[in-house]
Amino acid sequence: MATTGTQIRDRAIERSSLNNSGLLPTAQILNYITQAERKAYVRAARINPDYFGTVGASSTRAAYTDTWNLASTPGSIAAVTLVEVNAITGTVSGVAVGDKVNLIRKTRPELEIAPRAYLRGKVVTGYGTELGAATANMVTSLKVYYSPIPAAMTSLTQSVVIDDEWTDLLVLPLAKSFAMRDGRDQEAQLIQQEYDDTWADFAAGVMVYDHGVKRSLVSVPAIPMPQQAQG
């Protein structure tokens, strides 16, 4: 069941009978929830961008010299994991829908094979004419696999997007803010310690996430044993 901003606020307030709900205005509570949620998503993207991974189409460009601004479409992105050709107009030599577009560095484009593109900031620019040499014959849109950044909360009735099991990453910073506003520094420190422990659990879960794949056990030693030891 999705957790709303109201529930996040109420859980933060209920952590202490000393909390005063009037200490933080609604706009500030929404900002705390937004920033805490975005922090979790950005940190997860740095560890394993597939954990919150999703996919979306880029904009459709009008000319072969145009670029794709991923910040506009598909939207706020923390990390890009894969780019594929989504649509073509006319014919582009050696390129078909579904082909991977290899992202390259400005200084060493030869490290990847065609089709290639630069990703600078959140703008994708085709390398040379590999994604089209004319407006009548070009890749028009891309399929982007990425880790998103959640949109800002605008109402407490909205649901947060982070998994329910990790909502304490949003509750605890807010609870700490209530304690600090009331001058309860020791309580704030204890909440920070609890947050650090929760974050460690979250980071571990993100790190080991691998789409439920089960790896088979290694059947031979990683380092060959000497002949004498085997005998």
C-alpha atoms as a PDB file:
ATOM      1  CA  MET A   1       0.000   0.000   0.000  1.00  0.00           C
ATOM      2  CA  ALA A   2       1.395   3.399  -0.959  1.00  0.00           C
ATOM      3  CA  THR A   3       2.402   5.715   1.876  1.00  0.00           C
ATOM      4  CA  THR A   4       1.176   9.313   1.731  1.00  0.00           C
ATOM      5  CA  GLY A   5       2.953  12.456   2.822  1.00  0.00           C
ATOM      6  CA  THR A   6       0.408  12.781   5.629  1.00  0.00           C
ATOM      7  CA  GLN A   7       1.401   9.365   6.965  1.00  0.00           C
ATOM      8  CA  ILE A   8       5.093  10.294   6.815  1.00  0.00           C
ATOM      9  CA  ARG A   9       4.386  13.485   8.769  1.00  0.00           C
ATOM     10  CA  ASP A  10       2.198  11.715  11.350  1.00  0.00           C
ATOM     11  CA  ARG A  11       4.767   8.957  11.925  1.00  0.00           C
ATOM     12  CA  ALA A  12       7.464  11.594  12.470  1.00  0.00           C
ATOM     13  CA  ILE A  13       5.294  13.483  14.984  1.00  0.00           C
ATOM     14  CA  GLU A  14       4.264  10.304  16.818  1.00  0.00           C
ATOM     15  CA  ARG A  15       7.860   9.412  17.612  1.00  0.00           C
ATOM     16  CA  SER A  16       7.771  11.763  20.593  1.00  0.00           C
ATOM     17  CA  SER A  17       4.984  13.130  22.791  1.00  0.00           C
ATOM     18  CA  LEU A  18       6.972  16.375  22.902  1.00  0.00           C
ATOM     19  CA  ASN A  19       6.655  17.002  19.173  1.00  0.00           C
ATOM     20  CA  ASN A  20       4.647  20.053  18.214  1.00  0.00           C
ATOM     21  CA  SER A  21       3.023  19.713  14.796  1.00  0.00           C
ATOM     22  CA  GLY A  22       2.923  23.495  14.481  1.00  0.00           C
ATOM     23  CA  LEU A  23       6.720  23.824  14.511  1.00  0.00           C
ATOM     24  CA  LEU A  24       6.972  23.049  10.785  1.00  0.00           C
ATOM     25  CA  PRO A  25       4.641  24.512   8.155  1.00  0.00           C
ATOM     26  CA  THR A  26       3.239  22.172   5.512  1.00  0.00           C
ATOM     27  CA  ALA A  27       5.427  23.620   2.745  1.00  0.00           C
ATOM     28  CA  GLN A  28       8.559  22.868   4.752  1.00  0.00           C
ATOM     29  CA  ILE A  29       7.395  19.349   5.600  1.00  0.00           C
ATOM     30  CA  LEU A  30       6.846  18.689   1.889  1.00  0.00           C
ATOM     31  CA  ASN A  31      10.338  19.979   1.157  1.00  0.00           C
ATOM     32  CA  TYR A  32      11.887  17.722   3.818  1.00  0.00           C
ATOM     33  CA  ILE A  33      10.077  14.675   2.414  1.00  0.00           C
ATOM     34  CA  THR A  34      11.033  15.562  -1.163  1.00  0.00           C
ATOM     35  CA  GLN A  35      14.710  16.071  -0.356  1.00  0.00           C
ATOM     36  CA  ALA A  36      14.940  12.907   1.746  1.00  0.00           C
ATOM     37  CA  GLU A  37      13.338  10.820  -0.995  1.00  0.00           C
ATOM     38  CA  ARG A  38      15.546  12.308  -3.722  1.00  0.00           C
ATOM     39  CA  LYS A  39      18.626  11.729  -1.571  1.00  0.00           C
ATOM     40  CA  ALA A  40      17.767   8.035  -1.306  1.00  0.00           C
ATOM     41  CA  TYR A  41      17.250   7.725  -5.073  1.00  0.00           C
ATOM     42  CA  VAL A  42      20.470   9.537  -5.965  1.00  0.00           C
ATOM     43  CA  ARG A  43      22.482   7.477  -3.496  1.00  0.00           C
ATOM     44  CA  ALA A  44      20.928   4.272  -4.843  1.00  0.00           C
ATOM     45  CA  ALA A  45      21.814   5.328  -8.390  1.00  0.00           C
ATOM     46  CA  ARG A  46      25.462   5.683  -7.379  1.00  0.00           C
ATOM     47  CA  ILE A  47      25.507   2.167  -5.891  1.00  0.00           C
ATOM     48  CA  ASN A  48      23.273   0.287  -8.335  1.00  0.00           C
ATOM     49  CA  PRO A  49      21.244   2.308 -10.878  1.00  0.00           C
ATOM     50  CA  ASP A  50      19.130  -0.744 -11.711  1.00  0.00           C
ATOM     51  CA  TYR A  51      17.554  -0.807  -8.231  1.00  0.00           C
ATOM     52  CA  PHE A  52      15.037   1.954  -9.035  1.00  0.00           C
ATOM     53  CA  GLY A  53      15.604   1.526 -12.764  1.00  0.00           C
ATOM     54  CA  THR A  54      12.923   2.358 -15.307  1.00  0.00           C
ATOM     55  CA  VAL A  55      12.690   3.003 -19.047  1.00  0.00           C
ATOM     56  CA  GLY A  56      11.277   5.790 -21.167  1.00  0.00           C
ATOM     57  CA  ALA A  57      11.431   7.269 -24.647  1.00  0.00           C
ATOM     58  CA  SER A  58      13.317  10.431 -25.470  1.00  0.00           C
ATOM     59  CA  SER A  59      11.802  13.314 -27.395  1.00  0.00           C
ATOM     60  CA  THR A  60      11.525  13.013 -31.195  1.00  0.00           C
ATOM     61  CA  ARG A  61      14.052  15.235 -32.911  1.00  0.00           C
ATOM     62  CA  ALA A  62      13.161  17.208 -36.018  1.00  0.00           C
ATOM     63  CA  ALA A  63      16.576  17.359 -37.713  1.00  0.00           C
ATOM     64  CA  TYR A  64      19.612  15.103 -37.842  1.00  0.00           C
ATOM     65  CA  THR A  65      21.725  17.832 -36.241  1.00  0.00           C
ATOM     66  CA  ASP A  66      19.452  18.047 -33.191  1.00  0.00           C
ATOM     67  CA  THR A  67      20.325  16.588 -29.793  1.00  0.00           C
ATOM     68  CA  TRP A  68      18.156  14.872 -27.184  1.00  0.00           C
ATOM     69  CA  ASN A  69      17.709  16.605 -23.821  1.00  0.00           C
ATOM     70  CA  LEU A  70      16.928  13.790 -21.391  1.00  0.00           C
ATOM     71  CA  ALA A  71      16.225  16.250 -18.574  1.00  0.00           C
ATOM     72  CA  SER A  72      13.096  17.305 -20.471  1.00  0.00           C
ATOM     73  CA  THR A  73      12.096  13.865 -21.794  1.00  0.00           C
ATOM     74  CA  PRO A  74      11.867  11.323 -20.233  1.00  0.00           C
ATOM     75  CA  GLY A  75      12.478  13.606 -17.235  1.00  0.00           C
ATOM     76  CA  SER A  76      14.576  13.900 -14.085  1.00  0.00           C
ATOM     77  CA  ILE A  77      17.405  11.362 -14.275  1.00  0.00           C
ATOM     78  CA  ALA A  78      19.955  10.325 -11.657  1.00  0.00           C
ATOM     79  CA  ALA A  79      21.883   7.894 -13.895  1.00  0.00           C
ATOM     80  CA  VAL A  80      21.636   6.455 -17.401  1.00  0.00           C
ATOM     81  CA  THR A  81      22.378   2.748 -17.731  1.00  0.00           C
ATOM     82  CA  LEU A  82      21.564   2.007 -21.370  1.00  0.00           C
ATOM     83  CA  VAL A  83      20.436   3.791 -24.528  1.00  0.00           C
ATOM     84  CA  GLU A  84      18.862   2.061 -27.546  1.00  0.00           C
ATOM     85  CA  VAL A  85      17.481   3.176 -30.893  1.00  0.00           C
ATOM     86  CA  ASN A  86      13.745   3.661 -30.454  1.00  0.00           C
ATOM     87  CA  ALA A  87      12.617   4.939 -33.887  1.00  0.00           C
ATOM     88  CA  ILE A  88      14.107   5.709 -37.292  1.00  0.00           C
ATOM     89  CA  THR A  89      12.847   7.728 -40.211  1.00  0.00           C
ATOM     90  CA  GLY A  90      14.095   6.555 -43.602  1.00  0.00           C
ATOM     91  CA  THR A  91      17.233   4.419 -43.485  1.00  0.00           C
ATOM     92  CA  VAL A  92      20.393   4.755 -41.413  1.00  0.00           C
ATOM     93  CA  SER A  93      23.256   2.565 -42.544  1.00  0.00           C
ATOM     94  CA  GLY A  94      24.130  -0.154 -40.049  1.00  0.00           C
ATOM     95  CA  VAL A  95      21.464   0.915 -37.538  1.00  0.00           C
ATOM     96  CA  ALA A  96      18.140  -0.723 -36.647  1.00  0.00           C
ATOM     97  CA  VAL A  97      15.466  -0.197 -34.026  1.00  0.00           C
ATOM     98  CA  GLY A  98      16.561  -1.888 -30.798  1.00  0.00           C
ATOM     99  CA  ASP A  99      20.280  -1.447 -31.414  1.00  0.00           C
ATOM    100  CA  LYS A 100      22.337  -0.305 -28.440  1.00  0.00           C
ATOM    101  CA  VAL A 101      23.769   3.198 -28.725  1.00  0.00           C
ATOM    102  CA  ASN A 102      27.182   3.155 -27.089  1.00  0.00           C
ATOM    103  CA  LEU A 103      27.865   6.189 -24.921  1.00  0.00           C
ATOM    104  CA  ILE A 104      31.376   7.537 -25.371  1.00  0.00           C
ATOM    105  CA  ARG A 105      33.809  10.032 -23.909  1.00  0.00           C
ATOM    106  CA  LYS A 106      34.779  13.105 -25.854  1.00  0.00           C
ATOM    107  CA  THR A 107      38.458  12.220 -25.763  1.00  0.00           C
ATOM    108  CA  ARG A 108      38.298   8.472 -26.569  1.00  0.00           C
ATOM    109  CA  PRO A 109      35.383   7.703 -28.927  1.00  0.00           C
ATOM    110  CA  GLU A 110      37.297   4.782 -30.437  1.00  0.00           C
ATOM    111  CA  LEU A 111      36.802   2.752 -27.255  1.00  0.00           C
ATOM    112  CA  GLU A 112      33.259   1.856 -28.384  1.00  0.00           C
ATOM    113  CA  ILE A 113      31.784   0.606 -31.653  1.00  0.00           C
ATOM    114  CA  ALA A 114      29.082   2.289 -33.740  1.00  0.00           C
ATOM    115  CA  PRO A 115      26.458   3.529 -33.310  1.00  0.00           C
ATOM    116  CA  ARG A 116      27.830   5.930 -30.734  1.00  0.00           C
ATOM    117  CA  ALA A 117      26.752   9.093 -28.940  1.00  0.00           C
ATOM    118  CA  TYR A 118      28.040  11.515 -26.346  1.00  0.00           C
ATOM    119  CA  LEU A 119      26.242  12.008 -23.043  1.00  0.00           C
ATOM    120  CA  ARG A 120      27.252  15.404 -21.667  1.00  0.00           C
ATOM    121  CA  GLY A 121      25.252  16.381 -18.630  1.00  0.00           C
ATOM    122  CA  LYS A 122      21.840  15.078 -19.653  1.00  0.00           C
ATOM    123  CA  VAL A 123      22.123  15.830 -23.373  1.00  0.00           C
ATOM    124  CA  VAL A 124      22.731  13.043 -25.902  1.00  0.00           C
ATOM    125  CA  THR A 125      24.561  14.022 -29.090  1.00  0.00           C
ATOM    126  CA  GLY A 126      25.125  11.573 -31.920  1.00  0.00           C
ATOM    127  CA  TYR A 127      28.742  10.867 -32.877  1.00  0.00           C
ATOM    128  CA  GLY A 128      29.427  12.135 -36.392  1.00  0.00           C
ATOM    129  CA  THR A 129      26.670  10.889 -38.692  1.00  0.00           C
ATOM    130  CA  GLU A 130      26.268   7.445 -37.109  1.00  0.00           C
ATOM    131  CA  LEU A 131      22.699   8.256 -36.024  1.00  0.00           C
ATOM    132  CA  GLY A 132      21.812   9.885 -39.318  1.00  0.00           C
ATOM    133  CA  ALA A 133      23.358  12.035 -42.033  1.00  0.00           C
ATOM    134  CA  ALA A 134      20.167  13.708 -43.253  1.00  0.00           C
ATOM    135  CA  THR A 135      16.814  14.696 -41.810  1.00  0.00           C
ATOM    136  CA  ALA A 136      15.127  12.202 -44.138  1.00  0.00           C
ATOM    137  CA  ASN A 137      17.358   9.401 -42.858  1.00  0.00           C
ATOM    138  CA  MET A 138      18.033   9.539 -39.137  1.00  0.00           C
ATOM    139  CA  VAL A 139      17.338   8.093 -35.703  1.00  0.00           C
ATOM    140  CA  THR A 140      14.447  10.164 -34.399  1.00  0.00           C
ATOM    141  CA  SER A 141      14.086   8.941 -30.819  1.00  0.00           C
ATOM    142  CA  LEU A 142      15.910   6.873 -28.240  1.00  0.00           C
ATOM    143  CA  LYS A 143      14.854   4.364 -25.604  1.00  0.00           C
ATOM    144  CA  VAL A 144      16.532   5.283 -22.335  1.00  0.00           C
ATOM    145  CA  TYR A 145      17.041   2.957 -19.374  1.00  0.00           C
ATOM    146  CA  TYR A 146      17.699   5.083 -16.322  1.00  0.00           C
ATOM    147  CA  SER A 147      17.416   5.628 -12.602  1.00  0.00           C
ATOM    148  CA  PRO A 148      14.895   8.425 -11.958  1.00  0.00           C
ATOM    149  CA  ILE A 149      14.744  11.290  -9.487  1.00  0.00           C
ATOM    150  CA  PRO A 150      11.285  11.576  -7.890  1.00  0.00           C
ATOM    151  CA  ALA A 151       9.185  14.651  -8.586  1.00  0.00           C
ATOM    152  CA  ALA A 152       8.735  17.196  -5.816  1.00  0.00           C
ATOM    153  CA  MET A 153       5.874  16.606  -3.389  1.00  0.00           C
ATOM    154  CA  THR A 154       3.223  19.308  -3.727  1.00  0.00           C
ATOM    155  CA  SER A 155       0.576  17.940  -1.360  1.00  0.00           C
ATOM    156  CA  LEU A 156       0.572  15.768   1.750  1.00  0.00           C
ATOM    157  CA  THR A 157      -2.174  13.687   0.156  1.00  0.00           C
ATOM    158  CA  GLN A 158       0.313  12.494  -2.498  1.00  0.00           C
ATOM    159  CA  SER A 159       1.971   9.111  -2.143  1.00  0.00           C
ATOM    160  CA  VAL A 160       5.728   8.858  -1.930  1.00  0.00           C
ATOM    161  CA  VAL A 161       7.357   6.655  -4.549  1.00  0.00           C
ATOM    162  CA  ILE A 162      10.015   4.939  -2.449  1.00  0.00           C
ATOM    163  CA  ASP A 163       9.240   1.364  -1.387  1.00  0.00           C
ATOM    164  CA  ASP A 164       7.221   1.100   1.837  1.00  0.00           C
ATOM    165  CA  GLU A 165      10.036  -0.834   3.523  1.00  0.00           C
ATOM    166  CA  TRP A 166      12.306   2.217   3.254  1.00  0.00           C
ATOM    167  CA  THR A 167       9.934   5.006   4.293  1.00  0.00           C
ATOM    168  CA  ASP A 168      11.894   5.432   7.534  1.00  0.00           C
ATOM    169  CA  LEU A 169      14.466   7.191   5.336  1.00  0.00           C
ATOM    170  CA  LEU A 170      11.839   9.928   5.001  1.00  0.00           C
ATOM    171  CA  VAL A 171      10.312   9.736   8.489  1.00  0.00           C
ATOM    172  CA  LEU A 172      13.567   9.982  10.459  1.00  0.00           C
ATOM    173  CA  PRO A 173      14.941  13.228   8.908  1.00  0.00           C
ATOM    174  CA  LEU A 174      11.570  14.852   9.525  1.00  0.00           C
ATOM    175  CA  ALA A 175      11.462  13.576  13.103  1.00  0.00           C
ATOM    176  CA  LYS A 176      14.966  14.933  13.634  1.00  0.00           C
ATOM    177  CA  SER A 177      13.826  18.337  12.386  1.00  0.00           C
ATOM    178  CA  PHE A 178      10.979  18.406  14.932  1.00  0.00           C
ATOM    179  CA  ALA A 179      13.418  17.554  17.730  1.00  0.00           C
ATOM    180  CA  MET A 180      15.936  20.192  16.652  1.00  0.00           C
ATOM    181  CA  ARG A 181      13.268  22.875  16.322  1.00  0.00           C
ATOM    182  CA  ASP A 182      12.318  22.141  19.941  1.00  0.00           C
ATOM    183  CA  GLY A 183      15.918  22.210  21.169  1.00  0.00           C
ATOM    184  CA  ARG A 184      16.099  18.463  21.924  1.00  0.00           C
ATOM    185  CA  ASP A 185      19.614  17.954  20.618  1.00  0.00           C
ATOM    186  CA  GLN A 186      20.226  14.609  22.341  1.00  0.00           C
ATOM    187  CA  GLU A 187      17.060  13.167  20.825  1.00  0.00           C
ATOM    188  CA  ALA A 188      18.119  14.505  17.427  1.00  0.00           C
ATOM    189  CA  GLN A 189      21.463  12.698  17.756  1.00  0.00           C
ATOM    190  CA  LEU A 190      19.725   9.413  18.583  1.00  0.00           C
ATOM    191  CA  ILE A 191      17.448   9.824  15.566  1.00  0.00           C
ATOM    192  CA  GLN A 192      20.510  10.484  13.401  1.00  0.00           C
ATOM    193  CA  GLN A 193      22.095   7.242  14.614  1.00  0.00           C
ATOM    194  CA  GLU A 194      18.905   5.366  13.763  1.00  0.00           C
ATOM    195  CA  TYR A 195      18.875   6.991  10.325  1.00  0.00           C
ATOM    196  CA  ASP A 196      22.499   5.972   9.720  1.00  0.00           C
ATOM    197  CA  ASP A 197      21.644   2.361  10.603  1.00  0.00           C
ATOM    198  CA  THR A 198      18.604   2.424   8.309  1.00  0.00           C
ATOM    199  CA  TRP A 199      20.683   3.905   5.514  1.00  0.00           C
ATOM    200  CA  ALA A 200      23.283   1.145   5.936  1.00  0.00           C
ATOM    201  CA  ASP A 201      20.553  -1.477   5.574  1.00  0.00           C
ATOM    202  CA  PHE A 202      19.187   0.335   2.524  1.00  0.00           C
ATOM    203  CA  ALA A 203      22.613   0.568   0.901  1.00  0.00           C
ATOM    204  CA  ALA A 204      23.188  -3.138   1.476  1.00  0.00           C
ATOM    205  CA  GLY A 205      19.836  -3.994  -0.093  1.00  0.00           C
ATOM    206  CA  VAL A 206      20.577  -1.825  -3.117  1.00  0.00           C
ATOM    207  CA  MET A 207      24.034  -3.321  -3.511  1.00  0.00           C
ATOM    208  CA  VAL A 208      22.928  -6.966  -3.579  1.00  0.00           C
ATOM    209  CA  TYR A 209      19.848  -6.396  -5.751  1.00  0.00           C
ATOM    210  CA  ASP A 210      20.192  -8.338  -8.996  1.00  0.00           C
ATOM    211  CA  HIS A 211      16.673  -8.994 -10.297  1.00  0.00           C
ATOM    212  CA  GLY A 212      16.389 -12.131  -8.164  1.00  0.00           C
ATOM    213  CA  VAL A 213      19.059 -13.948 -10.163  1.00  0.00           C
ATOM    214  CA  LYS A 214      20.522 -16.978  -8.414  1.00  0.00           C
ATOM    215  CA  ARG A 215      24.171 -17.608  -9.118  1.00  0.00           C
ATOM    216  CA  SER A 216      25.382 -21.209  -9.218  1.00  0.00           C
ATOM    217  CA  LEU A 217      28.072 -22.205  -6.751  1.00  0.00           C
ATOM    218  CA  VAL A 218      31.627 -22.386  -8.031  1.00  0.00           C
ATOM    219  CA  SER A 219      32.482 -26.069  -8.554  1.00  0.00           C
ATOM    220  CA  VAL A 220      36.271 -25.636  -8.700  1.00  0.00           C
ATOM    221  CA  PRO A 221      38.615 -23.691  -6.409  1.00  0.00           C
ATOM    222  CA  ALA A 222      39.186 -20.083  -7.415  1.00  0.00           C
ATOM    223  CA  ILE A 223      42.941 -20.703  -6.965  1.00  0.00           C
ATOM    224  CA  PRO A 224      44.221 -24.095  -8.199  1.00  0.00           C
ATOM    225  CA  MET A 225      45.588 -26.205  -5.375  1.00  0.00           C
ATOM    226  CA  PRO A 226      49.202 -27.442  -5.567  1.00  0.00           C
ATOM    227  CA  GLN A 227      49.599 -31.036  -6.710  1.00  0.00           C
ATOM    228  CA  GLN A 228      51.002 -32.059  -3.318  1.00  0.00           C
ATOM    229  CA  ALA A 229      47.990 -30.683  -1.460  1.00  0.00           C
ATOM    230  CA  GLN A 230      45.607 -32.487  -3.820  1.00  0.00           C
ATOM    231  CA  GLY A 231      47.293 -35.824  -3.221  1.00  0.00           C
END
